[in-house]
Amino acid sequence: MKASDWHNKVCLITGGSSGLGSSIAKAFAERGAKVIITARRMDPLQRAAAKLGANAEAIAADLTREDDVKRLREAVVQRHVRLDLLCNCAGRSTRGSALDATVDDFLQLLDVNFLAAVRMTRSFAPLLIEQQGHIVNVGSLASKIAPRYLGAYPASKFALAAYSQQLRLELGPQGLHVLLVCPGPILRDAAEPRYADESADLPDAAQQPAAGAKLRGIDPDRLAARIVTACERREPELVVPWKVRLLLAISQFSPKLGDWLLLRATGD
């Protein structure tokens, strides 16, 4: 697909009111797509949609609720009939040790980071297959490796990676493109630590992006542009930064060596 071919295509982005989700929505809107953004709160959604222009609309939905997902699908079908791209970007991260993370902690993150994408995918897959469209699942480097002090977060993102591969293998022959995006820490406007309460008893590095991994923050607009390109090329995965691929390959070949390298990369 050429960049110009996004004109009048219908793209649905979850978590589209802020952060990377809003950058992804902007990237597709700039290429002429009709963009639908969704998140739980309507006010920030409307402000974000207003910035995207006349071809953007906001629909509030809680993706942990099956009824909301059903209502969202009905709205998309009623207004547009079709869907060409679904980007599952909604999610959240946390901090904590593996043993301190409770079963409820795991259930909550699995619901937001994984099961919400499952609900959306099951609901919209028939429309996407009909258009031979795209599913973009926004994971994390923690979809591939599990550093210390991320609590229940890596488990929820590993599940998304497994689901994405299974979808590729099963639905790829039907023309559906599935892209798993695994980015490092995304640059944010707020400079203060995000996890002060959760990481009070953990090393200082746990409050930092990627739990102290020695990685530069990723510009969300540049990452969004790369996601568009990866869709156009129908690539299976996008790992950013690219150099992490070496660690991933080593970890598969030698878990012991991979653990050692990961500890060095995230050490205090």
C-alpha atoms as a PDB file:
ATOM      1  CA  MET A   1       0.000   0.000   0.000  1.00  0.00           C
ATOM      2  CA  LYS A   2       1.265   3.425  -0.939  1.00  0.00           C
ATOM      3  CA  ALA A   3       0.986   6.344   1.475  1.00  0.00           C
ATOM      4  CA  SER A   4      -1.594   8.005  -0.769  1.00  0.00           C
ATOM      5  CA  ASP A   5      -3.769   4.865  -0.570  1.00  0.00           C
ATOM      6  CA  TRP A   6      -4.775   5.726   2.995  1.00  0.00           C
ATOM      7  CA  HIS A   7      -7.136   8.350   1.580  1.00  0.00           C
ATOM      8  CA  ASN A   8     -10.667   7.662   2.898  1.00  0.00           C
ATOM      9  CA  LYS A   9      -9.562   4.438   4.586  1.00  0.00           C
ATOM     10  CA  VAL A  10     -11.158   4.006   8.030  1.00  0.00           C
ATOM     11  CA  CYS A  11      -8.739   3.613  10.938  1.00  0.00           C
ATOM     12  CA  LEU A  12      -9.750   2.932  14.550  1.00  0.00           C
ATOM     13  CA  ILE A  13      -7.157   3.685  17.253  1.00  0.00           C
ATOM     14  CA  THR A  14      -7.698   2.739  20.888  1.00  0.00           C
ATOM     15  CA  GLY A  15      -6.016   4.873  23.518  1.00  0.00           C
ATOM     16  CA  GLY A  16      -6.163   7.653  20.945  1.00  0.00           C
ATOM     17  CA  SER A  17      -6.695  10.603  23.279  1.00  0.00           C
ATOM     18  CA  SER A  18      -3.053  10.969  24.349  1.00  0.00           C
ATOM     19  CA  GLY A  19       0.495   9.660  24.084  1.00  0.00           C
ATOM     20  CA  LEU A  20       1.482   7.290  21.313  1.00  0.00           C
ATOM     21  CA  GLY A  21      -2.153   6.615  20.429  1.00  0.00           C
ATOM     22  CA  SER A  22      -2.764  10.249  19.538  1.00  0.00           C
ATOM     23  CA  SER A  23       0.430  10.321  17.452  1.00  0.00           C
ATOM     24  CA  ILE A  24      -0.680   7.228  15.531  1.00  0.00           C
ATOM     25  CA  ALA A  25      -4.079   8.794  14.897  1.00  0.00           C
ATOM     26  CA  LYS A  26      -2.369  11.960  13.672  1.00  0.00           C
ATOM     27  CA  ALA A  27      -0.105  10.011  11.306  1.00  0.00           C
ATOM     28  CA  PHE A  28      -3.029   8.299   9.586  1.00  0.00           C
ATOM     29  CA  ALA A  29      -5.156  11.460   9.534  1.00  0.00           C
ATOM     30  CA  GLU A  30      -2.339  13.353   7.817  1.00  0.00           C
ATOM     31  CA  ARG A  31      -2.347  10.706   5.101  1.00  0.00           C
ATOM     32  CA  GLY A  32      -6.032  11.216   4.368  1.00  0.00           C
ATOM     33  CA  ALA A  33      -7.559   8.443   6.452  1.00  0.00           C
ATOM     34  CA  LYS A  34     -10.823   8.756   8.332  1.00  0.00           C
ATOM     35  CA  VAL A  35      -9.726   8.318  11.923  1.00  0.00           C
ATOM     36  CA  ILE A  36     -11.801   7.137  14.862  1.00  0.00           C
ATOM     37  CA  ILE A  37     -10.198   7.447  18.279  1.00  0.00           C
ATOM     38  CA  THR A  38     -11.518   5.800  21.399  1.00  0.00           C
ATOM     39  CA  ALA A  39     -10.712   5.868  25.111  1.00  0.00           C
ATOM     40  CA  ARG A  40     -12.734   5.909  28.310  1.00  0.00           C
ATOM     41  CA  ARG A  41     -13.136   9.663  28.828  1.00  0.00           C
ATOM     42  CA  MET A  42     -14.960  11.778  26.280  1.00  0.00           C
ATOM     43  CA  ASP A  43     -13.546  15.226  27.082  1.00  0.00           C
ATOM     44  CA  PRO A  44      -9.885  14.453  26.236  1.00  0.00           C
ATOM     45  CA  LEU A  45     -11.062  12.419  23.254  1.00  0.00           C
ATOM     46  CA  GLN A  46     -12.957  15.376  21.830  1.00  0.00           C
ATOM     47  CA  ARG A  47      -9.984  17.679  22.324  1.00  0.00           C
ATOM     48  CA  ALA A  48      -7.711  15.193  20.575  1.00  0.00           C
ATOM     49  CA  ALA A  49     -10.157  14.708  17.695  1.00  0.00           C
ATOM     50  CA  ALA A  50     -10.475  18.470  17.215  1.00  0.00           C
ATOM     51  CA  LYS A  51      -6.723  18.682  16.637  1.00  0.00           C
ATOM     52  CA  LEU A  52      -6.903  15.981  13.963  1.00  0.00           C
ATOM     53  CA  GLY A  53      -9.339  17.824  11.730  1.00  0.00           C
ATOM     54  CA  ALA A  54     -12.672  17.172  10.069  1.00  0.00           C
ATOM     55  CA  ASN A  55     -11.930  13.527   9.215  1.00  0.00           C
ATOM     56  CA  ALA A  56     -11.555  12.527  12.874  1.00  0.00           C
ATOM     57  CA  GLU A  57     -14.206  11.507  15.351  1.00  0.00           C
ATOM     58  CA  ALA A  58     -14.250  10.423  18.979  1.00  0.00           C
ATOM     59  CA  ILE A  59     -16.237   7.572  20.507  1.00  0.00           C
ATOM     60  CA  ALA A  60     -15.852   6.932  24.225  1.00  0.00           C
ATOM     61  CA  ALA A  61     -15.680   3.283  25.294  1.00  0.00           C
ATOM     62  CA  ASP A  62     -14.309   1.167  28.130  1.00  0.00           C
ATOM     63  CA  LEU A  63     -12.632  -1.718  26.343  1.00  0.00           C
ATOM     64  CA  THR A  64     -12.692  -3.890  29.447  1.00  0.00           C
ATOM     65  CA  ARG A  65     -16.501  -4.028  29.002  1.00  0.00           C
ATOM     66  CA  GLU A  66     -17.926  -6.285  26.312  1.00  0.00           C
ATOM     67  CA  ASP A  67     -21.048  -4.124  25.982  1.00  0.00           C
ATOM     68  CA  ASP A  68     -18.923  -1.041  25.236  1.00  0.00           C
ATOM     69  CA  VAL A  69     -16.972  -2.893  22.564  1.00  0.00           C
ATOM     70  CA  LYS A  70     -20.225  -4.063  20.978  1.00  0.00           C
ATOM     71  CA  ARG A  71     -21.583  -0.506  21.032  1.00  0.00           C
ATOM     72  CA  LEU A  72     -18.353   0.774  19.468  1.00  0.00           C
ATOM     73  CA  ARG A  73     -18.598  -1.755  16.642  1.00  0.00           C
ATOM     74  CA  GLU A  74     -22.206  -0.820  15.970  1.00  0.00           C
ATOM     75  CA  ALA A  75     -21.240   2.854  15.752  1.00  0.00           C
ATOM     76  CA  VAL A  76     -18.395   2.157  13.321  1.00  0.00           C
ATOM     77  CA  VAL A  77     -20.591  -0.003  11.077  1.00  0.00           C
ATOM     78  CA  GLN A  78     -23.431   2.512  11.128  1.00  0.00           C
ATOM     79  CA  ARG A  79     -21.225   5.472  10.269  1.00  0.00           C
ATOM     80  CA  HIS A  80     -18.652   3.916   7.945  1.00  0.00           C
ATOM     81  CA  VAL A  81     -19.777   0.373   6.975  1.00  0.00           C
ATOM     82  CA  ARG A  82     -16.135  -0.660   6.680  1.00  0.00           C
ATOM     83  CA  LEU A  83     -12.927  -0.752   8.722  1.00  0.00           C
ATOM     84  CA  ASP A  84      -9.424  -0.878   7.229  1.00  0.00           C
ATOM     85  CA  LEU A  85      -7.202  -0.679  10.300  1.00  0.00           C
ATOM     86  CA  LEU A  86      -7.533  -1.412  14.003  1.00  0.00           C
ATOM     87  CA  CYS A  87      -4.716  -0.217  16.253  1.00  0.00           C
ATOM     88  CA  ASN A  88      -4.844  -1.655  19.770  1.00  0.00           C
ATOM     89  CA  CYS A  89      -2.809   0.976  21.589  1.00  0.00           C
ATOM     90  CA  ALA A  90      -4.705   1.367  24.871  1.00  0.00           C
ATOM     91  CA  GLY A  91      -2.845   0.086  27.912  1.00  0.00           C
ATOM     92  CA  ARG A  92      -0.925   0.959  31.036  1.00  0.00           C
ATOM     93  CA  SER A  93       2.257  -0.016  32.805  1.00  0.00           C
ATOM     94  CA  THR A  94       3.192  -0.440  36.427  1.00  0.00           C
ATOM     95  CA  ARG A  95       6.073  -1.052  38.806  1.00  0.00           C
ATOM     96  CA  GLY A  96       6.717  -3.666  41.469  1.00  0.00           C
ATOM     97  CA  SER A  97       8.531  -6.907  42.111  1.00  0.00           C
ATOM     98  CA  ALA A  98       7.224 -10.172  40.732  1.00  0.00           C
ATOM     99  CA  LEU A  99       6.314 -11.529  44.166  1.00  0.00           C
ATOM    100  CA  ASP A 100       4.626  -8.320  45.309  1.00  0.00           C
ATOM    101  CA  ALA A 101       2.334  -8.325  42.270  1.00  0.00           C
ATOM    102  CA  THR A 102      -0.915  -9.942  43.389  1.00  0.00           C
ATOM    103  CA  VAL A 103      -3.267 -12.083  41.360  1.00  0.00           C
ATOM    104  CA  ASP A 104      -5.581  -9.063  41.144  1.00  0.00           C
ATOM    105  CA  ASP A 105      -2.675  -6.962  39.798  1.00  0.00           C
ATOM    106  CA  PHE A 106      -2.097  -9.520  37.057  1.00  0.00           C
ATOM    107  CA  LEU A 107      -5.804  -9.750  36.238  1.00  0.00           C
ATOM    108  CA  GLN A 108      -6.154  -5.965  35.960  1.00  0.00           C
ATOM    109  CA  LEU A 109      -3.185  -5.547  33.625  1.00  0.00           C
ATOM    110  CA  LEU A 110      -4.129  -8.568  31.561  1.00  0.00           C
ATOM    111  CA  ASP A 111      -7.598  -7.087  31.114  1.00  0.00           C
ATOM    112  CA  VAL A 112      -6.320  -3.682  29.971  1.00  0.00           C
ATOM    113  CA  ASN A 113      -3.205  -4.689  28.035  1.00  0.00           C
ATOM    114  CA  PHE A 114      -4.294  -7.990  26.522  1.00  0.00           C
ATOM    115  CA  LEU A 115      -7.952  -8.927  26.855  1.00  0.00           C
ATOM    116  CA  ALA A 116      -9.096  -5.497  25.607  1.00  0.00           C
ATOM    117  CA  ALA A 117      -7.195  -6.211  22.381  1.00  0.00           C
ATOM    118  CA  VAL A 118      -8.783  -9.668  22.211  1.00  0.00           C
ATOM    119  CA  ARG A 119     -12.265  -8.167  22.574  1.00  0.00           C
ATOM    120  CA  MET A 120     -11.570  -5.568  19.903  1.00  0.00           C
ATOM    121  CA  THR A 121      -9.986  -8.068  17.531  1.00  0.00           C
ATOM    122  CA  ARG A 122     -12.811 -10.577  17.818  1.00  0.00           C
ATOM    123  CA  SER A 123     -15.361  -7.836  17.268  1.00  0.00           C
ATOM    124  CA  PHE A 124     -13.736  -6.130  14.282  1.00  0.00           C
ATOM    125  CA  ALA A 125     -11.856  -8.971  12.549  1.00  0.00           C
ATOM    126  CA  PRO A 126     -14.639  -9.765  10.055  1.00  0.00           C
ATOM    127  CA  LEU A 127     -14.686  -6.165   8.834  1.00  0.00           C
ATOM    128  CA  LEU A 128     -10.889  -6.082   8.592  1.00  0.00           C
ATOM    129  CA  ILE A 129     -10.663  -9.378   6.738  1.00  0.00           C
ATOM    130  CA  GLU A 130     -13.243  -8.147   4.241  1.00  0.00           C
ATOM    131  CA  GLN A 131     -10.980  -5.173   3.424  1.00  0.00           C
ATOM    132  CA  GLN A 132      -7.747  -7.206   3.710  1.00  0.00           C
ATOM    133  CA  GLY A 133      -6.799  -4.611   6.287  1.00  0.00           C
ATOM    134  CA  HIS A 134      -4.518  -4.295   9.273  1.00  0.00           C
ATOM    135  CA  ILE A 135      -4.398  -5.049  12.980  1.00  0.00           C
ATOM    136  CA  VAL A 136      -1.665  -3.173  14.847  1.00  0.00           C
ATOM    137  CA  ASN A 137      -1.023  -4.421  18.363  1.00  0.00           C
ATOM    138  CA  VAL A 138       1.141  -2.016  20.352  1.00  0.00           C
ATOM    139  CA  GLY A 139       3.168  -4.040  22.783  1.00  0.00           C
ATOM    140  CA  SER A 140       6.491  -3.115  24.346  1.00  0.00           C
ATOM    141  CA  LEU A 141      10.035  -4.342  24.582  1.00  0.00           C
ATOM    142  CA  ALA A 142       8.497  -6.075  27.606  1.00  0.00           C
ATOM    143  CA  SER A 143       6.568  -8.191  25.085  1.00  0.00           C
ATOM    144  CA  LYS A 144       9.900  -9.896  24.402  1.00  0.00           C
ATOM    145  CA  ILE A 145      11.954  -9.563  27.593  1.00  0.00           C
ATOM    146  CA  ALA A 146      10.976  -9.234  31.251  1.00  0.00           C
ATOM    147  CA  PRO A 147      13.231  -6.815  33.149  1.00  0.00           C
ATOM    148  CA  ARG A 148      13.092  -6.468  36.915  1.00  0.00           C
ATOM    149  CA  TYR A 149      10.540  -4.368  38.768  1.00  0.00           C
ATOM    150  CA  LEU A 150       7.829  -4.168  36.109  1.00  0.00           C
ATOM    151  CA  GLY A 151       5.319  -6.110  38.194  1.00  0.00           C
ATOM    152  CA  ALA A 152       2.568  -7.741  36.154  1.00  0.00           C
ATOM    153  CA  TYR A 153       3.330  -5.689  33.042  1.00  0.00           C
ATOM    154  CA  PRO A 154       5.618  -8.095  31.088  1.00  0.00           C
ATOM    155  CA  ALA A 155       3.209 -11.011  31.456  1.00  0.00           C
ATOM    156  CA  SER A 156       0.386  -8.923  30.002  1.00  0.00           C
ATOM    157  CA  LYS A 157       2.537  -7.837  27.059  1.00  0.00           C
ATOM    158  CA  PHE A 158       4.005 -11.308  26.397  1.00  0.00           C
ATOM    159  CA  ALA A 159       0.427 -12.513  25.982  1.00  0.00           C
ATOM    160  CA  LEU A 160      -0.185  -9.838  23.352  1.00  0.00           C
ATOM    161  CA  ALA A 161       2.903 -10.962  21.437  1.00  0.00           C
ATOM    162  CA  ALA A 162       1.742 -14.593  21.406  1.00  0.00           C
ATOM    163  CA  TYR A 163      -1.741 -13.568  20.296  1.00  0.00           C
ATOM    164  CA  SER A 164      -0.320 -11.445  17.483  1.00  0.00           C
ATOM    165  CA  GLN A 165       1.749 -14.323  16.118  1.00  0.00           C
ATOM    166  CA  GLN A 166      -1.178 -16.702  16.244  1.00  0.00           C
ATOM    167  CA  LEU A 167      -3.379 -14.194  14.416  1.00  0.00           C
ATOM    168  CA  ARG A 168      -0.695 -13.743  11.733  1.00  0.00           C
ATOM    169  CA  LEU A 169      -0.487 -17.456  11.092  1.00  0.00           C
ATOM    170  CA  GLU A 170      -4.217 -18.104  11.094  1.00  0.00           C
ATOM    171  CA  LEU A 171      -5.561 -14.984   9.371  1.00  0.00           C
ATOM    172  CA  GLY A 172      -2.645 -13.986   7.150  1.00  0.00           C
ATOM    173  CA  PRO A 173      -3.780 -16.433   4.432  1.00  0.00           C
ATOM    174  CA  GLN A 174      -7.129 -14.589   4.425  1.00  0.00           C
ATOM    175  CA  GLY A 175      -5.367 -11.309   3.633  1.00  0.00           C
ATOM    176  CA  LEU A 176      -5.313  -9.773   7.111  1.00  0.00           C
ATOM    177  CA  HIS A 177      -2.061  -8.054   8.063  1.00  0.00           C
ATOM    178  CA  VAL A 178      -1.081  -8.232  11.762  1.00  0.00           C
ATOM    179  CA  LEU A 179       1.724  -6.015  13.061  1.00  0.00           C
ATOM    180  CA  LEU A 180       3.202  -6.275  16.557  1.00  0.00           C
ATOM    181  CA  VAL A 181       4.948  -3.075  17.650  1.00  0.00           C
ATOM    182  CA  CYS A 182       7.532  -3.425  20.430  1.00  0.00           C
ATOM    183  CA  PRO A 183       8.875   0.017  21.376  1.00  0.00           C
ATOM    184  CA  GLY A 184      11.174   1.103  24.151  1.00  0.00           C
ATOM    185  CA  PRO A 185      10.270   4.021  26.434  1.00  0.00           C
ATOM    186  CA  ILE A 186       8.204   6.737  24.764  1.00  0.00           C
ATOM    187  CA  LEU A 187       9.073  10.381  25.383  1.00  0.00           C
ATOM    188  CA  ARG A 188       6.499  12.080  27.585  1.00  0.00           C
ATOM    189  CA  ASP A 189       5.705  15.688  28.406  1.00  0.00           C
ATOM    190  CA  ALA A 190       5.749  15.125  32.166  1.00  0.00           C
ATOM    191  CA  ALA A 191       9.223  15.102  33.661  1.00  0.00           C
ATOM    192  CA  GLU A 192       8.332  13.882  37.149  1.00  0.00           C
ATOM    193  CA  PRO A 193       8.569  10.155  37.995  1.00  0.00           C
ATOM    194  CA  ARG A 194       5.373   8.280  37.153  1.00  0.00           C
ATOM    195  CA  TYR A 195       5.752   5.425  39.623  1.00  0.00           C
ATOM    196  CA  ALA A 196       6.879   7.064  42.859  1.00  0.00           C
ATOM    197  CA  ASP A 197       4.260   5.341  45.005  1.00  0.00           C
ATOM    198  CA  GLU A 198       4.562   1.930  43.387  1.00  0.00           C
ATOM    199  CA  SER A 199       8.364   1.904  43.454  1.00  0.00           C
ATOM    200  CA  ALA A 200       9.009   3.444  46.880  1.00  0.00           C
ATOM    201  CA  ASP A 201      10.659   0.253  48.151  1.00  0.00           C
ATOM    202  CA  LEU A 202      12.494  -0.507  44.909  1.00  0.00           C
ATOM    203  CA  PRO A 203      15.809   0.793  43.531  1.00  0.00           C
ATOM    204  CA  ASP A 204      15.689   4.310  42.090  1.00  0.00           C
ATOM    205  CA  ALA A 205      16.032   2.938  38.570  1.00  0.00           C
ATOM    206  CA  ALA A 206      12.576   1.373  38.883  1.00  0.00           C
ATOM    207  CA  GLN A 207      11.004   4.854  38.673  1.00  0.00           C
ATOM    208  CA  GLN A 208      12.703   5.592  35.363  1.00  0.00           C
ATOM    209  CA  PRO A 209      11.352   4.778  31.883  1.00  0.00           C
ATOM    210  CA  ALA A 210      11.808   1.096  31.050  1.00  0.00           C
ATOM    211  CA  ALA A 211      12.769   0.550  34.708  1.00  0.00           C
ATOM    212  CA  GLY A 212      16.197   2.072  34.189  1.00  0.00           C
ATOM    213  CA  ALA A 213      17.095   0.537  30.843  1.00  0.00           C
ATOM    214  CA  LYS A 214      19.807   2.544  29.128  1.00  0.00           C
ATOM    215  CA  LEU A 215      17.681   3.574  26.154  1.00  0.00           C
ATOM    216  CA  ARG A 216      16.829   6.946  24.702  1.00  0.00           C
ATOM    217  CA  GLY A 217      13.211   7.996  24.786  1.00  0.00           C
ATOM    218  CA  ILE A 218      11.405   7.463  21.484  1.00  0.00           C
ATOM    219  CA  ASP A 219       9.663  10.367  19.795  1.00  0.00           C
ATOM    220  CA  PRO A 220       6.025   9.244  19.426  1.00  0.00           C
ATOM    221  CA  ASP A 221       5.473  11.053  16.120  1.00  0.00           C
ATOM    222  CA  ARG A 222       8.502   9.400  14.535  1.00  0.00           C
ATOM    223  CA  LEU A 223       7.411   6.007  15.842  1.00  0.00           C
ATOM    224  CA  ALA A 224       3.911   6.591  14.467  1.00  0.00           C
ATOM    225  CA  ALA A 225       5.370   7.309  11.020  1.00  0.00           C
ATOM    226  CA  ARG A 226       7.333   4.048  11.199  1.00  0.00           C
ATOM    227  CA  ILE A 227       4.152   2.191  12.123  1.00  0.00           C
ATOM    228  CA  VAL A 228       2.412   3.573   9.031  1.00  0.00           C
ATOM    229  CA  THR A 229       5.340   2.449   6.876  1.00  0.00           C
ATOM    230  CA  ALA A 230       5.352  -1.005   8.495  1.00  0.00           C
ATOM    231  CA  CYS A 231       1.655  -1.328   7.629  1.00  0.00           C
ATOM    232  CA  GLU A 232       2.299  -0.296   4.040  1.00  0.00           C
ATOM    233  CA  ARG A 233       4.995  -2.960   3.800  1.00  0.00           C
ATOM    234  CA  ARG A 234       2.816  -5.449   5.740  1.00  0.00           C
ATOM    235  CA  GLU A 235       5.659  -6.256   8.110  1.00  0.00           C
ATOM    236  CA  PRO A 236       5.050  -8.730  10.969  1.00  0.00           C
ATOM    237  CA  GLU A 237       6.932  -6.875  13.720  1.00  0.00           C
ATOM    238  CA  LEU A 238       8.488  -3.520  14.487  1.00  0.00           C
ATOM    239  CA  VAL A 239      11.041  -3.473  17.311  1.00  0.00           C
ATOM    240  CA  VAL A 240      12.405  -0.050  18.303  1.00  0.00           C
ATOM    241  CA  PRO A 241      15.268   0.548  18.861  1.00  0.00           C
ATOM    242  CA  TRP A 242      16.617  -1.969  16.398  1.00  0.00           C
ATOM    243  CA  LYS A 243      19.690  -2.782  18.508  1.00  0.00           C
ATOM    244  CA  VAL A 244      17.493  -4.591  21.047  1.00  0.00           C
ATOM    245  CA  ARG A 245      16.982  -7.298  18.434  1.00  0.00           C
ATOM    246  CA  LEU A 246      20.491  -8.524  19.235  1.00  0.00           C
ATOM    247  CA  LEU A 247      19.577  -8.999  22.891  1.00  0.00           C
ATOM    248  CA  LEU A 248      16.398 -10.817  21.859  1.00  0.00           C
ATOM    249  CA  ALA A 249      18.350 -13.172  19.604  1.00  0.00           C
ATOM    250  CA  ILE A 250      20.954 -13.872  22.299  1.00  0.00           C
ATOM    251  CA  SER A 251      18.238 -14.513  24.897  1.00  0.00           C
ATOM    252  CA  GLN A 252      16.673 -17.138  22.653  1.00  0.00           C
ATOM    253  CA  PHE A 253      20.028 -18.806  22.017  1.00  0.00           C
ATOM    254  CA  SER A 254      21.272 -18.591  25.621  1.00  0.00           C
ATOM    255  CA  PRO A 255      18.816 -17.539  28.361  1.00  0.00           C
ATOM    256  CA  LYS A 256      21.663 -17.367  30.873  1.00  0.00           C
ATOM    257  CA  LEU A 257      23.667 -14.938  28.744  1.00  0.00           C
ATOM    258  CA  GLY A 258      20.506 -13.014  27.895  1.00  0.00           C
ATOM    259  CA  ASP A 259      19.688 -12.569  31.589  1.00  0.00           C
ATOM    260  CA  TRP A 260      23.207 -11.324  32.282  1.00  0.00           C
ATOM    261  CA  LEU A 261      23.034  -8.787  29.460  1.00  0.00           C
ATOM    262  CA  LEU A 262      19.593  -7.624  30.568  1.00  0.00           C
ATOM    263  CA  LEU A 263      20.788  -7.112  34.139  1.00  0.00           C
ATOM    264  CA  ARG A 264      23.695  -5.032  32.849  1.00  0.00           C
ATOM    265  CA  ALA A 265      21.406  -2.991  30.629  1.00  0.00           C
ATOM    266  CA  THR A 266      19.034  -2.189  33.492  1.00  0.00           C
ATOM    267  CA  GLY A 267      21.533  -2.032  36.366  1.00  0.00           C
ATOM    268  CA  ASP A 268      21.633   0.830  38.865  1.00  0.00           C
END
